[in-house]
Amino acid sequence: MSFAQFRADLKRSVDRRRLYARINALPDSTVRDELLAIALRHEDDHR
């Protein structure tokens, strides 16, 4: 694995954690649940 690929993977994982942290910071609601479902579905599609 090249350094550039390692760095891209690291940035992607940091961005993913930041996204989930922002979603989890929202108050409990159906919107939050739907955002979480969309994020998980998108993540599963790109694996």
C-alpha atoms as a PDB file:
ATOM      1  CA  MET A   1       0.000   0.000   0.000  1.00  0.00           C
ATOM      2  CA  SER A   2       1.385   3.337  -0.975  1.00  0.00           C
ATOM      3  CA  PHE A   3       1.560   6.232   1.398  1.00  0.00           C
ATOM      4  CA  ALA A   4      -1.009   8.129  -0.684  1.00  0.00           C
ATOM      5  CA  GLN A   5      -3.475   5.234  -0.412  1.00  0.00           C
ATOM      6  CA  PHE A   6      -2.879   4.981   3.350  1.00  0.00           C
ATOM      7  CA  ARG A   7      -3.488   8.693   3.731  1.00  0.00           C
ATOM      8  CA  ALA A   8      -6.700   8.523   1.655  1.00  0.00           C
ATOM      9  CA  ASP A   9      -7.984   5.616   3.768  1.00  0.00           C
ATOM     10  CA  LEU A  10      -7.164   7.491   6.966  1.00  0.00           C
ATOM     11  CA  LYS A  11      -8.949  10.635   5.765  1.00  0.00           C
ATOM     12  CA  ARG A  12     -12.000   8.574   4.772  1.00  0.00           C
ATOM     13  CA  SER A  13     -12.166   6.925   8.202  1.00  0.00           C
ATOM     14  CA  VAL A  14     -11.818  10.279   9.994  1.00  0.00           C
ATOM     15  CA  ASP A  15     -14.549  11.766   7.794  1.00  0.00           C
ATOM     16  CA  ARG A  16     -16.790   8.765   8.515  1.00  0.00           C
ATOM     17  CA  ARG A  17     -16.309   9.113  12.286  1.00  0.00           C
ATOM     18  CA  ARG A  18     -16.996  12.845  12.061  1.00  0.00           C
ATOM     19  CA  LEU A  19     -20.208  12.196  10.110  1.00  0.00           C
ATOM     20  CA  TYR A  20     -21.484   9.656  12.643  1.00  0.00           C
ATOM     21  CA  ALA A  21     -20.547  11.956  15.535  1.00  0.00           C
ATOM     22  CA  ARG A  22     -22.549  14.789  13.956  1.00  0.00           C
ATOM     23  CA  ILE A  23     -25.544  12.511  13.387  1.00  0.00           C
ATOM     24  CA  ASN A  24     -25.373  11.160  16.943  1.00  0.00           C
ATOM     25  CA  ALA A  25     -25.203  14.698  18.337  1.00  0.00           C
ATOM     26  CA  LEU A  26     -28.671  15.425  16.941  1.00  0.00           C
ATOM     27  CA  PRO A  27     -31.598  15.105  19.328  1.00  0.00           C
ATOM     28  CA  ASP A  28     -33.495  11.813  19.151  1.00  0.00           C
ATOM     29  CA  SER A  29     -35.924  11.949  16.273  1.00  0.00           C
ATOM     30  CA  THR A  30     -36.991  10.123  13.165  1.00  0.00           C
ATOM     31  CA  VAL A  31     -34.803  12.489  11.124  1.00  0.00           C
ATOM     32  CA  ARG A  32     -31.742  11.360  13.072  1.00  0.00           C
ATOM     33  CA  ASP A  33     -32.705   7.717  12.590  1.00  0.00           C
ATOM     34  CA  GLU A  34     -33.208   8.258   8.864  1.00  0.00           C
ATOM     35  CA  LEU A  35     -29.848  10.035   8.493  1.00  0.00           C
ATOM     36  CA  LEU A  36     -28.168   7.154  10.287  1.00  0.00           C
ATOM     37  CA  ALA A  37     -29.889   4.621   8.021  1.00  0.00           C
ATOM     38  CA  ILE A  38     -28.838   6.574   4.920  1.00  0.00           C
ATOM     39  CA  ALA A  39     -25.221   6.782   6.101  1.00  0.00           C
ATOM     40  CA  LEU A  40     -25.104   3.052   6.847  1.00  0.00           C
ATOM     41  CA  ARG A  41     -26.704   2.181   3.517  1.00  0.00           C
ATOM     42  CA  HIS A  42     -24.214   4.400   1.655  1.00  0.00           C
ATOM     43  CA  GLU A  43     -21.310   2.826   3.543  1.00  0.00           C
ATOM     44  CA  ASP A  44     -22.523  -0.691   2.696  1.00  0.00           C
ATOM     45  CA  ASP A  45     -22.862   0.224  -0.997  1.00  0.00           C
ATOM     46  CA  HIS A  46     -19.242   1.390  -1.161  1.00  0.00           C
ATOM     47  CA  ARG A  47     -17.565  -1.584   0.478  1.00  0.00           C
END
